[in-house]
Amino acid sequence: MNMEGRQAIFTEDFCNSLRLNLKAGDSISHYTLDGESFAYTDRDVCYLNDFSVDKAKLEKMNTETLSSLDSAILLYEALPNLNPLLASYAPFWLYIAHVELITYMRKRWPNVIVNRDGEQNSTASQISYIMDYWFPSMGSSSKTWLPNLWWAVYLSVDDKREDKYALTKILFKQEDLRTRTLGTYTLFRHKPATVATLRFIESHMDSTFSHSFQNRCRYMTKYLNYLGGCRLLSYMDEDFFTEMLNKKNDDIAKVV
């Protein structure tokens, strides 16, 4: 395993320059499959000391065609001491996306100039497309592609299980579950809520969630979010969420 003890990240000033250049339309071509590398100097980076990165796993993401699930697990394992505080810091992810995983990002999101239907995107659409997948917004890093992958594993991994990624696999069962159903609620940045919800789905996969999976998951998560208007859920443990979901199971099963 190729681990390094120091990790570069972009300075906030350089991150602002990246955003401004993109919004002006000057750097769009850099995000295409055959785009040039981003030029930066030593003044544009700072370093995290005592930070381990498995470069081999990141390179595997660049060179192999992987599912979203496999990419997420590789990314999580490549950053073994990344913590939630740093994972919420946009400059960290901007460096990873624009340098370490630029080939992966270009391949994963190739429809910059032309959309999936073969139609030319407007300049505004090109910029919006890049911003959505490459640039974390302040306070919502988990909604952008790379941090979204990392958070999904971090919040669902269970080291006590034989297959510690069993719940992660449920979370990736449908893209909608990870990016829209759970991903749209701040509540599910609280690990006990995420784990309880995924275990509830797992326990009822052959009954409640054997039909209308997407709609029932949406109903369930809206219900939990509604509970947040009555009490401070960020202080509740996994047992609380499990109890609430078990009480609501009959109603969830009626959703079509």
Protein backbone atom coordinates (compact mmCIF):
# COMPACT_ATOMS: atom_id res chain seq x y z
CA MET A 1 0.00 0.00 0.00
CA ASN A 2 1.42 3.34 -1.10
CA MET A 3 0.70 5.64 1.84
CA GLU A 4 2.04 9.14 2.16
CA GLY A 5 2.31 11.23 5.33
CA ARG A 6 1.51 14.61 3.80
CA GLN A 7 -1.41 15.68 1.63
CA ALA A 8 -1.70 18.81 -0.48
CA ILE A 9 -4.91 20.82 -0.63
CA PHE A 10 -5.67 24.00 -2.51
CA THR A 11 -5.68 27.33 -0.70
CA GLU A 12 -9.03 29.06 -0.39
CA ASP A 13 -7.81 31.84 -2.70
CA PHE A 14 -7.00 29.33 -5.42
CA CYS A 15 -10.37 27.63 -4.93
CA ASN A 16 -12.04 30.99 -5.47
CA SER A 17 -9.99 31.46 -8.64
CA LEU A 18 -11.11 28.05 -9.92
CA ARG A 19 -14.74 29.04 -9.37
CA LEU A 20 -14.37 32.46 -10.96
CA ASN A 21 -12.57 31.09 -14.01
CA LEU A 22 -15.29 28.50 -14.49
CA LYS A 23 -18.14 30.96 -14.04
CA ALA A 24 -16.49 33.19 -16.63
CA GLY A 25 -16.40 30.23 -19.01
CA ASP A 26 -12.59 30.37 -19.30
CA SER A 27 -11.80 26.90 -17.96
CA ILE A 28 -14.66 24.76 -19.32
CA SER A 29 -12.40 22.82 -21.69
CA HIS A 30 -10.22 21.68 -18.76
CA TYR A 31 -13.11 19.55 -17.49
CA THR A 32 -13.55 17.59 -20.73
CA LEU A 33 -12.11 14.13 -21.37
CA ASP A 34 -9.13 15.48 -23.32
CA GLY A 35 -8.72 18.68 -21.30
CA GLU A 36 -5.42 20.09 -20.14
CA SER A 37 -4.25 19.79 -16.55
CA PHE A 38 -4.92 22.67 -14.20
CA ALA A 39 -1.90 24.89 -13.69
CA TYR A 40 -1.04 25.87 -10.11
CA THR A 41 2.07 26.86 -8.18
CA ASP A 42 3.45 26.09 -4.73
CA ARG A 43 1.70 29.22 -3.46
CA ASP A 44 -1.66 27.71 -4.43
CA VAL A 45 -1.39 24.71 -2.09
CA CYS A 46 -0.93 24.05 1.60
CA TYR A 47 -0.31 20.72 3.31
CA LEU A 48 -1.89 18.42 5.84
CA ASN A 49 0.77 16.72 7.93
CA ASP A 50 0.44 13.16 9.22
CA PHE A 51 -2.33 12.46 6.74
CA SER A 52 -2.35 9.05 5.07
CA VAL A 53 -3.55 8.58 1.50
CA ASP A 54 -3.52 5.29 -0.36
CA LYS A 55 -2.43 6.58 -3.77
CA ALA A 56 -2.78 3.13 -5.33
CA LYS A 57 -6.50 3.05 -4.56
CA LEU A 58 -7.00 6.53 -6.01
CA GLU A 59 -5.11 5.49 -9.13
CA LYS A 60 -7.36 2.45 -9.45
CA MET A 61 -10.33 4.82 -9.56
CA ASN A 62 -8.59 6.71 -12.39
CA THR A 63 -7.71 3.66 -14.45
CA GLU A 64 -10.58 1.19 -13.99
CA THR A 65 -14.28 1.37 -14.81
CA LEU A 66 -16.06 1.00 -11.49
CA SER A 67 -19.59 1.16 -10.13
CA SER A 68 -20.55 4.01 -7.83
CA LEU A 69 -20.46 1.56 -4.90
CA ASP A 70 -16.98 0.27 -5.71
CA SER A 71 -15.73 3.82 -6.28
CA ALA A 72 -17.14 4.93 -2.92
CA ILE A 73 -15.50 2.06 -1.03
CA LEU A 74 -12.15 2.66 -2.73
CA LEU A 75 -12.32 6.38 -1.95
CA TYR A 76 -13.20 5.70 1.69
CA GLU A 77 -10.37 3.19 2.05
CA ALA A 78 -7.92 5.50 0.30
CA LEU A 79 -8.49 8.16 2.98
CA PRO A 80 -8.29 6.15 6.22
CA ASN A 81 -7.90 9.07 8.63
CA LEU A 82 -10.22 11.58 6.97
CA ASN A 83 -12.62 12.94 9.59
CA PRO A 84 -16.01 14.65 9.21
CA LEU A 85 -14.57 18.10 9.87
CA LEU A 86 -12.05 17.88 7.04
CA ALA A 87 -14.59 16.05 4.86
CA SER A 88 -16.75 19.18 5.11
CA TYR A 89 -13.94 21.43 3.86
CA ALA A 90 -14.32 22.26 0.17
CA PRO A 91 -10.61 22.94 -0.63
CA PHE A 92 -9.74 19.36 0.35
CA TRP A 93 -12.18 17.90 -2.19
CA LEU A 94 -11.36 20.46 -4.86
CA TYR A 95 -7.72 19.35 -4.80
CA ILE A 96 -8.68 15.68 -4.90
CA ALA A 97 -11.04 16.27 -7.84
CA HIS A 98 -8.77 18.57 -9.85
CA VAL A 99 -5.50 16.71 -9.28
CA GLU A 100 -5.64 13.26 -7.68
CA LEU A 101 -8.86 12.05 -9.33
CA ILE A 102 -9.13 14.31 -12.36
CA THR A 103 -9.13 11.38 -14.80
CA TYR A 104 -11.84 9.61 -12.81
CA MET A 105 -13.98 12.75 -12.64
CA ARG A 106 -13.66 13.46 -16.36
CA LYS A 107 -14.68 9.90 -17.21
CA ARG A 108 -17.49 9.77 -14.67
CA TRP A 109 -19.01 13.10 -15.78
CA PRO A 110 -18.14 13.39 -19.49
CA ASN A 111 -21.21 15.28 -20.74
CA VAL A 112 -19.81 18.77 -20.40
CA ILE A 113 -20.09 19.95 -24.00
CA VAL A 114 -22.69 17.53 -25.32
CA ASN A 115 -25.48 16.03 -23.19
CA ARG A 116 -26.54 12.39 -23.07
CA ASP A 117 -28.97 12.95 -25.93
CA GLY A 118 -26.18 14.19 -28.18
CA GLU A 119 -27.32 17.81 -28.03
CA GLN A 120 -24.94 20.72 -27.56
CA ASN A 121 -25.12 22.23 -24.07
CA SER A 122 -25.30 25.97 -23.73
CA THR A 123 -22.37 27.67 -22.00
CA ALA A 124 -24.56 28.23 -18.94
CA SER A 125 -25.49 24.52 -18.88
CA GLN A 126 -21.85 23.49 -19.22
CA ILE A 127 -20.88 25.65 -16.27
CA SER A 128 -23.81 24.40 -14.18
CA TYR A 129 -22.98 20.76 -14.99
CA ILE A 130 -19.37 21.19 -13.82
CA MET A 131 -20.34 23.13 -10.71
CA ASP A 132 -22.82 20.45 -9.67
CA TYR A 133 -20.35 17.56 -9.74
CA TRP A 134 -16.95 19.14 -9.13
CA PHE A 135 -17.48 22.05 -6.73
CA PRO A 136 -18.71 21.59 -3.16
CA SER A 137 -20.88 24.41 -1.92
CA MET A 138 -20.10 25.99 1.42
CA GLY A 139 -21.78 23.92 4.11
CA SER A 140 -23.06 21.21 1.75
CA SER A 141 -19.99 19.29 0.60
CA SER A 142 -21.84 16.00 0.91
CA LYS A 143 -24.05 16.91 -2.09
CA THR A 144 -21.11 17.00 -4.53
CA TRP A 145 -19.94 13.78 -6.16
CA LEU A 146 -16.69 12.83 -4.37
CA PRO A 147 -17.66 13.95 -0.85
CA ASN A 148 -21.07 12.34 -1.41
CA LEU A 149 -19.36 9.01 -2.06
CA TRP A 150 -17.17 9.32 1.03
CA TRP A 151 -20.01 10.39 3.35
CA ALA A 152 -22.20 7.54 2.11
CA VAL A 153 -19.64 4.97 3.23
CA TYR A 154 -18.64 6.78 6.41
CA LEU A 155 -22.25 6.95 7.60
CA SER A 156 -23.08 3.34 6.75
CA VAL A 157 -19.94 1.30 7.41
CA ASP A 158 -20.21 -1.13 10.32
CA ASP A 159 -16.86 -2.54 11.42
CA LYS A 160 -18.57 -5.03 13.74
CA ARG A 161 -20.07 -6.98 10.83
CA GLU A 162 -18.39 -9.70 8.81
CA ASP A 163 -19.26 -7.64 5.75
CA LYS A 164 -18.75 -4.14 7.10
CA TYR A 165 -20.16 -2.66 3.90
CA ALA A 166 -23.48 -4.56 4.03
CA LEU A 167 -25.45 -1.41 4.87
CA THR A 168 -23.44 0.60 2.35
CA LYS A 169 -24.62 -1.78 -0.35
CA ILE A 170 -28.22 -1.11 0.64
CA LEU A 171 -27.58 2.63 0.49
CA PHE A 172 -26.31 2.22 -3.08
CA LYS A 173 -29.16 -0.11 -4.06
CA GLN A 174 -30.79 2.81 -5.85
CA GLU A 175 -29.11 6.11 -6.73
CA ASP A 176 -32.26 7.91 -5.59
CA LEU A 177 -31.97 6.54 -2.05
CA ARG A 178 -28.47 7.95 -1.55
CA THR A 179 -28.62 11.21 -3.48
CA ARG A 180 -32.25 12.31 -3.07
CA THR A 181 -34.13 10.34 -0.42
CA LEU A 182 -31.54 10.27 2.38
CA GLY A 183 -29.12 12.76 0.88
CA THR A 184 -31.51 15.71 0.96
CA TYR A 185 -32.03 15.65 4.75
CA THR A 186 -29.49 17.02 7.25
CA LEU A 187 -30.77 14.40 9.69
CA PHE A 188 -28.94 11.70 7.79
CA ARG A 189 -25.57 13.23 8.52
CA HIS A 190 -26.29 11.78 12.00
CA LYS A 191 -24.89 8.26 11.82
CA PRO A 192 -27.34 6.61 14.27
CA ALA A 193 -30.23 7.80 12.08
CA THR A 194 -28.62 6.49 8.90
CA VAL A 195 -27.62 3.14 10.37
CA ALA A 196 -31.04 2.57 11.98
CA THR A 197 -32.80 3.43 8.71
CA LEU A 198 -30.62 1.12 6.63
CA ARG A 199 -30.94 -1.73 9.14
CA PHE A 200 -34.70 -1.24 9.11
CA ILE A 201 -34.72 -1.52 5.31
CA GLU A 202 -32.47 -4.59 5.52
CA SER A 203 -34.74 -6.29 8.07
CA HIS A 204 -37.86 -5.66 5.97
CA MET A 205 -36.41 -6.13 2.49
CA ASP A 206 -38.60 -9.18 1.81
CA SER A 207 -41.76 -7.60 3.20
CA THR A 208 -42.23 -3.83 3.50
CA PHE A 209 -39.63 -2.98 0.87
CA SER A 210 -40.31 -5.82 -1.55
CA HIS A 211 -42.56 -3.45 -3.49
CA SER A 212 -42.58 0.31 -4.16
CA PHE A 213 -39.06 0.54 -2.72
CA GLN A 214 -38.42 4.12 -3.76
CA ASN A 215 -41.75 5.58 -2.67
CA ARG A 216 -41.70 3.77 0.67
CA CYS A 217 -38.16 4.95 1.38
CA ARG A 218 -39.22 8.51 0.62
CA TYR A 219 -42.23 8.24 2.93
CA MET A 220 -40.08 6.78 5.70
CA THR A 221 -37.42 9.48 5.53
CA LYS A 222 -40.01 12.28 5.38
CA TYR A 223 -41.58 10.82 8.51
CA LEU A 224 -38.26 10.85 10.37
CA ASN A 225 -37.57 14.38 9.21
CA TYR A 226 -41.04 15.38 10.45
CA LEU A 227 -40.12 14.03 13.89
CA GLY A 228 -37.25 16.49 13.87
CA GLY A 229 -39.78 19.30 14.20
CA CYS A 230 -40.81 17.90 17.56
CA ARG A 231 -37.47 16.98 19.15
CA LEU A 232 -33.73 17.38 18.65
CA LEU A 233 -32.94 14.21 16.72
CA SER A 234 -29.18 14.78 16.57
CA TYR A 235 -29.03 13.67 20.22
CA MET A 236 -31.06 10.49 19.69
CA ASP A 237 -29.43 7.08 19.49
CA GLU A 238 -29.97 4.25 17.04
CA ASP A 239 -32.52 2.52 19.28
CA PHE A 240 -34.78 5.58 19.18
CA PHE A 241 -34.89 5.64 15.37
CA THR A 242 -35.42 1.88 15.22
CA GLU A 243 -38.36 2.14 17.64
CA MET A 244 -39.95 4.97 15.65
CA LEU A 245 -39.61 3.07 12.36
CA ASN A 246 -41.01 -0.15 13.80
CA LYS A 247 -44.06 1.76 15.02
CA LYS A 248 -44.54 3.21 11.55
CA ASN A 249 -43.91 0.01 9.60
CA ASP A 250 -47.57 -0.73 8.81
CA ASP A 251 -48.08 2.74 7.39
CA ILE A 252 -44.88 2.52 5.32
CA ALA A 253 -46.04 -0.81 3.89
CA LYS A 254 -49.26 0.79 2.63
CA VAL A 255 -47.42 3.26 0.37
CA VAL A 256 -47.70 2.36 -3.31
